[in-house]
Amino acid sequence: MIRRPLAAAALALCGVGAAACGGAEVSDTGASAPTPSVKHGRPATTQDQAAGTASAETAAPATRTAASEAEALPLTGKVVVIDPGHNGGNFRHTKEINQLVDIANQKKACDTTGTSTNDGYTEAAFTWDLSNRLAKLLKAKGATVKLTRTSSTEWGPCINQRAAIGNKAHADAAISIHGDGAAGNLRGFHVIMPKKIGGPVDPVVKDSARLGLNVRDAFRSGTGLPYSTYIGKQALNYRSDLGGLNLSTVPKIFIECGNMRNARDAARFKDPAFRARMARSLEKGLENYLTSAR
């Protein structure tokens, strides 16, 4: 992140015999089997009542509702905000992205251009692709997901607005996705978490740290990528100069998924299959955080 100036309706599940669903039992030949004879010495009404009770007892446990299906998803009711870092058109809007915004403890530029691999795969393109892969996985687990920008957003929103989107959504977790642009001999990923600054983020610093640890562990386990060799301690870095963190009133972290200027890391960034692996790892980290006891 080097800154450059510029389920469906419910189905009633039947037993093995169709009679459990109210239909005639089918024989091995496919024809309807003969109706069972009435047992002597037992009133027909009693038999009917008993049969009805047996059918109800058989069918009831197997009946599901749409609500119960939704509640079975692990992230139902959770809100996640994903911030795909930077924009592809930022370099055409240097005046706009260089305007200063208040980030609680200082003023900083609205945004930066982001970085790229040495052969031109941009950070903005990477973060957009990975963010959408992650959003799809989270939605499949029942979460409500919001992104801070769309594919047609030419520039912005500014860093203060990106934080505001998570705040307004009352997100249970927010994550800003990036790729770093350090020297080519350096590699590895790291997670950035907020510090207390006497500002909006202070109440969620502890939860943000827990979120960061969950994501760090899942990302390392799922991708096999090394911890950063050049910043943080065991891929954990705490900062007080990022508007997206300083202004957040919900648990939030940044992840630098690797160094885009390093040839080995860059090869992973450009591989769609590996980006899918990154997304699965991030989803796992977020799920672990959102479903664990606080």
Protein backbone atom coordinates (compact mmCIF):
# COMPACT_ATOMS: atom_id res chain seq x y z
CA MET A 1 0.00 0.00 0.00
CA ILE A 2 2.88 2.37 -0.79
CA ARG A 3 1.35 5.82 -1.15
CA ARG A 4 2.28 7.71 -4.29
CA PRO A 5 1.58 11.38 -4.64
CA LEU A 6 -0.44 11.55 -7.53
CA ALA A 7 -32.98 -21.36 1.53
CA ALA A 8 -35.73 -21.22 -0.59
CA ALA A 9 -39.26 -22.30 0.29
CA ALA A 10 -39.46 -25.09 2.85
CA LEU A 11 -39.71 -28.71 1.62
CA ALA A 12 -41.45 -31.48 3.50
CA LEU A 13 -39.04 -34.41 3.57
CA CYS A 14 -40.66 -37.85 3.15
CA GLY A 15 -39.67 -41.22 4.55
CA VAL A 16 -38.63 -44.21 2.46
CA GLY A 17 -42.23 -45.20 1.75
CA ALA A 18 -44.43 -42.68 -0.04
CA ALA A 19 -47.19 -43.54 2.41
CA ALA A 20 -45.38 -41.37 4.94
CA CYS A 21 -46.23 -38.39 2.70
CA GLY A 22 -49.89 -39.39 2.32
CA GLY A 23 -49.53 -41.33 -0.95
CA ALA A 24 -49.87 -44.98 -1.77
CA GLU A 25 -46.92 -47.24 -1.02
CA VAL A 26 -45.11 -48.30 -4.19
CA SER A 27 -44.07 -51.93 -4.75
CA ASP A 28 -40.81 -53.06 -6.32
CA THR A 29 -42.55 -53.27 -9.71
CA GLY A 30 -43.54 -49.64 -9.61
CA ALA A 31 -47.27 -50.43 -9.18
CA SER A 32 -49.28 -49.43 -6.17
CA ALA A 33 -49.06 -52.06 -3.47
CA PRO A 34 -52.29 -53.56 -2.14
CA THR A 35 -53.97 -51.63 0.61
CA PRO A 36 -53.13 -53.29 3.94
CA SER A 37 -56.01 -55.26 5.44
CA VAL A 38 -57.74 -53.92 8.51
CA LYS A 39 -56.79 -55.70 11.70
CA HIS A 40 -59.75 -57.41 13.36
CA GLY A 41 -60.81 -56.42 16.81
CA ARG A 42 -59.77 -52.78 16.42
CA PRO A 43 -62.22 -50.04 15.36
CA ALA A 44 -61.46 -48.43 12.01
CA THR A 45 -61.55 -44.94 13.51
CA THR A 46 -58.90 -45.91 16.03
CA GLN A 47 -56.74 -47.29 13.25
CA ASP A 48 -57.14 -44.07 11.25
CA GLN A 49 -56.22 -41.95 14.23
CA ALA A 50 -53.20 -44.11 14.99
CA ALA A 51 -52.07 -43.99 11.38
CA GLY A 52 -52.47 -40.22 11.31
CA THR A 53 -50.46 -39.85 14.50
CA ALA A 54 -47.69 -42.07 13.14
CA SER A 55 -47.54 -40.08 9.91
CA ALA A 56 -47.36 -36.78 11.77
CA GLU A 57 -44.63 -38.08 14.06
CA THR A 58 -42.66 -39.32 11.05
CA ALA A 59 -43.00 -36.15 8.96
CA ALA A 60 -42.70 -33.41 11.59
CA PRO A 61 -39.01 -33.78 12.48
CA ALA A 62 -38.05 -33.72 8.81
CA THR A 63 -40.00 -30.54 7.99
CA ARG A 64 -37.86 -27.41 7.62
CA THR A 65 -38.80 -23.80 7.18
CA ALA A 66 -36.99 -21.09 5.26
CA ALA A 67 -36.31 -19.33 8.56
CA SER A 68 -34.69 -22.39 10.12
CA GLU A 69 -32.49 -22.83 7.06
CA ALA A 70 -31.32 -19.20 7.33
CA GLU A 71 -30.65 -19.52 11.05
CA ALA A 72 -28.47 -22.56 10.36
CA LEU A 73 -25.95 -20.43 8.44
CA PRO A 74 -23.09 -19.43 10.75
CA LEU A 75 -23.00 -15.72 9.83
CA THR A 76 -26.73 -14.99 9.71
CA GLY A 77 -27.36 -11.56 11.23
CA LYS A 78 -23.72 -10.46 10.91
CA VAL A 79 -22.72 -7.40 8.88
CA VAL A 80 -19.30 -7.20 7.23
CA VAL A 81 -17.95 -4.17 5.37
CA ILE A 82 -15.17 -4.77 2.85
CA ASP A 83 -13.03 -1.90 1.61
CA PRO A 84 -11.22 -2.62 -1.69
CA GLY A 85 -8.23 -0.30 -1.36
CA HIS A 86 -7.70 2.52 -3.89
CA ASN A 87 -9.30 2.93 -7.32
CA GLY A 88 -8.17 2.34 -10.86
CA GLY A 89 -8.80 5.97 -11.85
CA ASN A 90 -7.05 7.65 -8.94
CA PHE A 91 -4.08 8.60 -11.09
CA ARG A 92 -6.42 10.67 -13.28
CA HIS A 93 -7.75 12.55 -10.26
CA THR A 94 -4.66 13.72 -8.44
CA LYS A 95 -6.28 17.02 -7.42
CA GLU A 96 -9.20 15.24 -5.80
CA ILE A 97 -7.22 12.53 -4.03
CA ASN A 98 -4.64 15.01 -2.74
CA GLN A 99 -7.21 17.10 -0.88
CA LEU A 100 -6.67 16.89 2.86
CA VAL A 101 -9.22 15.28 5.18
CA ASP A 102 -9.38 15.17 8.97
CA ILE A 103 -8.52 11.75 10.44
CA ALA A 104 -8.96 12.73 14.11
CA ASN A 105 -5.31 13.21 15.07
CA GLN A 106 -4.00 14.85 11.89
CA LYS A 107 -4.92 15.65 8.30
CA LYS A 108 -3.99 13.39 5.40
CA ALA A 109 -4.63 13.07 1.68
CA CYS A 110 -8.03 11.76 0.65
CA ASP A 111 -6.39 8.72 -0.97
CA THR A 112 -3.34 7.60 -2.96
CA THR A 113 -2.87 5.89 -6.30
CA GLY A 114 -1.86 2.58 -4.76
CA THR A 115 0.86 0.38 -6.20
CA SER A 116 1.25 -2.42 -8.78
CA THR A 117 3.38 -5.38 -9.73
CA ASN A 118 6.44 -4.59 -11.83
CA ASP A 119 4.56 -5.66 -14.97
CA GLY A 120 1.53 -3.48 -14.29
CA TYR A 121 -1.08 -5.51 -12.38
CA THR A 122 -2.53 -2.76 -10.19
CA GLU A 123 -3.36 -2.84 -6.53
CA ALA A 124 -6.83 -1.45 -7.34
CA ALA A 125 -7.56 -4.34 -9.71
CA PHE A 126 -6.28 -6.87 -7.18
CA THR A 127 -8.26 -5.48 -4.26
CA TRP A 128 -11.46 -5.30 -6.31
CA ASP A 129 -11.17 -8.93 -7.43
CA LEU A 130 -10.28 -10.27 -3.99
CA SER A 131 -12.97 -8.21 -2.25
CA ASN A 132 -15.69 -9.57 -4.50
CA ARG A 133 -14.50 -13.15 -4.04
CA LEU A 134 -14.58 -12.63 -0.28
CA ALA A 135 -18.02 -11.01 -0.38
CA LYS A 136 -19.47 -13.99 -2.23
CA LEU A 137 -18.12 -16.44 0.35
CA LEU A 138 -19.41 -14.39 3.28
CA LYS A 139 -22.87 -14.07 1.75
CA ALA A 140 -22.99 -17.84 1.27
CA LYS A 141 -22.46 -18.14 5.04
CA GLY A 142 -25.42 -15.82 5.72
CA ALA A 143 -23.65 -12.49 6.25
CA THR A 144 -24.84 -9.12 4.98
CA VAL A 145 -21.92 -7.63 3.05
CA LYS A 146 -21.31 -4.04 1.96
CA LEU A 147 -18.43 -2.77 -0.19
CA THR A 148 -17.12 0.79 0.09
CA ARG A 149 -16.97 1.30 -3.68
CA THR A 150 -18.32 -0.11 -6.93
CA SER A 151 -16.60 -1.23 -10.12
CA SER A 152 -17.51 2.11 -11.74
CA THR A 153 -16.18 4.33 -8.95
CA GLU A 154 -13.58 6.41 -10.78
CA TRP A 155 -11.95 7.76 -7.64
CA GLY A 156 -12.74 7.83 -3.93
CA PRO A 157 -14.43 7.62 -1.58
CA CYS A 158 -11.88 9.36 0.58
CA ILE A 159 -10.41 7.52 3.55
CA ASN A 160 -12.71 9.27 6.04
CA GLN A 161 -15.78 8.28 4.00
CA ARG A 162 -14.62 4.67 3.79
CA ALA A 163 -14.57 4.54 7.58
CA ALA A 164 -18.01 6.21 7.71
CA ILE A 165 -19.53 3.49 5.51
CA GLY A 166 -18.59 0.81 8.05
CA ASN A 167 -19.84 2.97 10.92
CA LYS A 168 -23.18 3.66 9.26
CA ALA A 169 -23.68 -0.05 8.55
CA HIS A 170 -22.99 -0.86 12.23
CA ALA A 171 -20.64 -3.52 10.92
CA ASP A 172 -19.70 -6.42 13.16
CA ALA A 173 -16.34 -6.40 11.36
CA ALA A 174 -14.69 -4.32 8.65
CA ILE A 175 -11.62 -5.10 6.58
CA SER A 176 -9.64 -2.98 4.15
CA ILE A 177 -7.77 -5.02 1.54
CA HIS A 178 -4.44 -3.92 0.08
CA GLY A 179 -1.22 -5.03 -1.56
CA ASP A 180 2.03 -3.38 -0.47
CA GLY A 181 4.70 -1.78 -2.66
CA ALA A 182 7.96 -2.15 -0.74
CA ALA A 183 11.44 -2.88 -2.11
CA GLY A 184 11.62 -5.92 -4.37
CA ASN A 185 13.79 -7.98 -2.02
CA LEU A 186 11.17 -7.82 0.73
CA ARG A 187 8.13 -10.09 0.94
CA GLY A 188 5.29 -11.43 3.04
CA PHE A 189 1.92 -10.23 4.36
CA HIS A 190 0.99 -8.27 7.43
CA VAL A 191 -2.16 -7.10 9.25
CA ILE A 192 -2.58 -3.52 10.45
CA MET A 193 -4.65 -2.74 13.55
CA PRO A 194 -5.53 0.57 15.24
CA LYS A 195 -4.03 2.14 18.33
CA LYS A 196 -5.86 4.28 20.85
CA ILE A 197 -5.65 7.93 19.82
CA GLY A 198 -8.14 9.60 22.16
CA GLY A 199 -10.63 9.44 19.30
CA PRO A 200 -13.48 7.47 17.67
CA VAL A 201 -11.58 4.18 17.35
CA ASP A 202 -10.61 3.82 21.00
CA PRO A 203 -13.62 1.70 22.13
CA VAL A 204 -13.00 -0.91 19.41
CA VAL A 205 -9.20 -1.18 19.59
CA LYS A 206 -9.35 -4.39 21.65
CA ASP A 207 -11.87 -6.08 19.35
CA SER A 208 -9.92 -4.91 16.30
CA ALA A 209 -6.81 -6.59 17.70
CA ARG A 210 -8.76 -9.83 18.16
CA LEU A 211 -10.09 -9.55 14.61
CA GLY A 212 -6.57 -8.99 13.32
CA LEU A 213 -5.21 -12.04 15.12
CA ASN A 214 -7.98 -14.27 13.73
CA VAL A 215 -7.39 -13.04 10.19
CA ARG A 216 -3.59 -13.29 10.52
CA ASP A 217 -3.78 -16.92 11.65
CA ALA A 218 -6.31 -17.99 8.99
CA PHE A 219 -4.47 -16.19 6.19
CA ARG A 220 -1.15 -17.78 7.09
CA SER A 221 -2.70 -21.24 7.45
CA GLY A 222 -4.77 -21.00 4.29
CA THR A 223 -2.26 -19.43 1.91
CA GLY A 224 1.10 -20.52 3.24
CA LEU A 225 2.43 -17.02 2.61
CA PRO A 226 5.16 -15.91 5.02
CA TYR A 227 4.88 -13.20 7.61
CA SER A 228 6.27 -9.87 6.43
CA THR A 229 10.05 -9.72 6.52
CA TYR A 230 10.14 -5.94 6.77
CA ILE A 231 7.36 -4.60 8.99
CA GLY A 232 5.50 -5.56 12.15
CA LYS A 233 6.09 -8.45 14.51
CA GLN A 234 4.81 -11.83 13.32
CA ALA A 235 2.76 -10.00 10.70
CA LEU A 236 1.04 -7.76 13.25
CA ASN A 237 1.44 -3.99 12.95
CA TYR A 238 -0.28 -1.28 15.00
CA ARG A 239 -0.73 2.22 13.57
CA SER A 240 -2.34 5.52 14.48
CA ASP A 241 -1.93 7.33 11.15
CA LEU A 242 -4.55 5.65 8.95
CA GLY A 243 -7.86 7.47 8.56
CA GLY A 244 -9.70 4.27 7.73
CA LEU A 245 -8.80 2.97 11.20
CA ASN A 246 -8.71 6.16 13.29
CA LEU A 247 -12.27 7.11 12.35
CA SER A 248 -13.78 3.63 12.66
CA THR A 249 -16.29 3.02 15.44
CA VAL A 250 -16.56 -0.69 14.50
CA PRO A 251 -13.85 -3.38 14.74
CA LYS A 252 -11.65 -2.90 11.69
CA ILE A 253 -8.30 -3.95 10.25
CA PHE A 254 -6.21 -3.52 7.12
CA ILE A 255 -4.42 -6.43 5.47
CA GLU A 256 -1.44 -6.02 3.15
CA CYS A 257 -1.70 -9.38 1.39
CA GLY A 258 1.95 -9.34 0.34
CA ASN A 259 4.47 -7.15 -1.46
CA MET A 260 3.42 -6.57 -5.06
CA ARG A 261 6.98 -5.52 -5.97
CA ASN A 262 8.41 -8.86 -4.91
CA ALA A 263 8.49 -11.37 -7.76
CA ARG A 264 7.37 -14.35 -5.64
CA ASP A 265 4.52 -12.46 -3.99
CA ALA A 266 3.51 -10.88 -7.30
CA ALA A 267 3.12 -14.28 -8.94
CA ARG A 268 0.56 -15.17 -6.25
CA PHE A 269 -1.32 -11.90 -6.70
CA LYS A 270 -1.69 -12.47 -10.45
CA ASP A 271 -2.91 -16.08 -10.13
CA PRO A 272 -6.76 -16.25 -10.02
CA ALA A 273 -6.65 -19.63 -8.29
CA PHE A 274 -4.42 -18.22 -5.58
CA ARG A 275 -6.66 -15.17 -5.18
CA ALA A 276 -9.51 -17.63 -4.57
CA ARG A 277 -7.34 -19.24 -1.91
CA MET A 278 -6.71 -15.85 -0.33
CA ALA A 279 -10.46 -15.15 -0.26
CA ARG A 280 -11.21 -18.47 1.44
CA SER A 281 -8.55 -17.75 4.04
CA LEU A 282 -9.90 -14.28 4.77
CA GLU A 283 -13.45 -15.63 5.04
CA LYS A 284 -12.26 -18.23 7.53
CA GLY A 285 -10.55 -15.59 9.65
CA LEU A 286 -13.62 -13.34 9.67
CA GLU A 287 -15.91 -16.26 10.47
CA ASN A 288 -13.68 -17.35 13.34
CA TYR A 289 -13.85 -13.84 14.78
CA LEU A 290 -17.58 -13.36 14.28
CA THR A 291 -18.58 -16.71 15.78
CA SER A 292 -16.19 -16.82 18.74
CA ALA A 293 -17.17 -15.79 22.24
CA ARG A 294 -16.05 -12.34 23.28
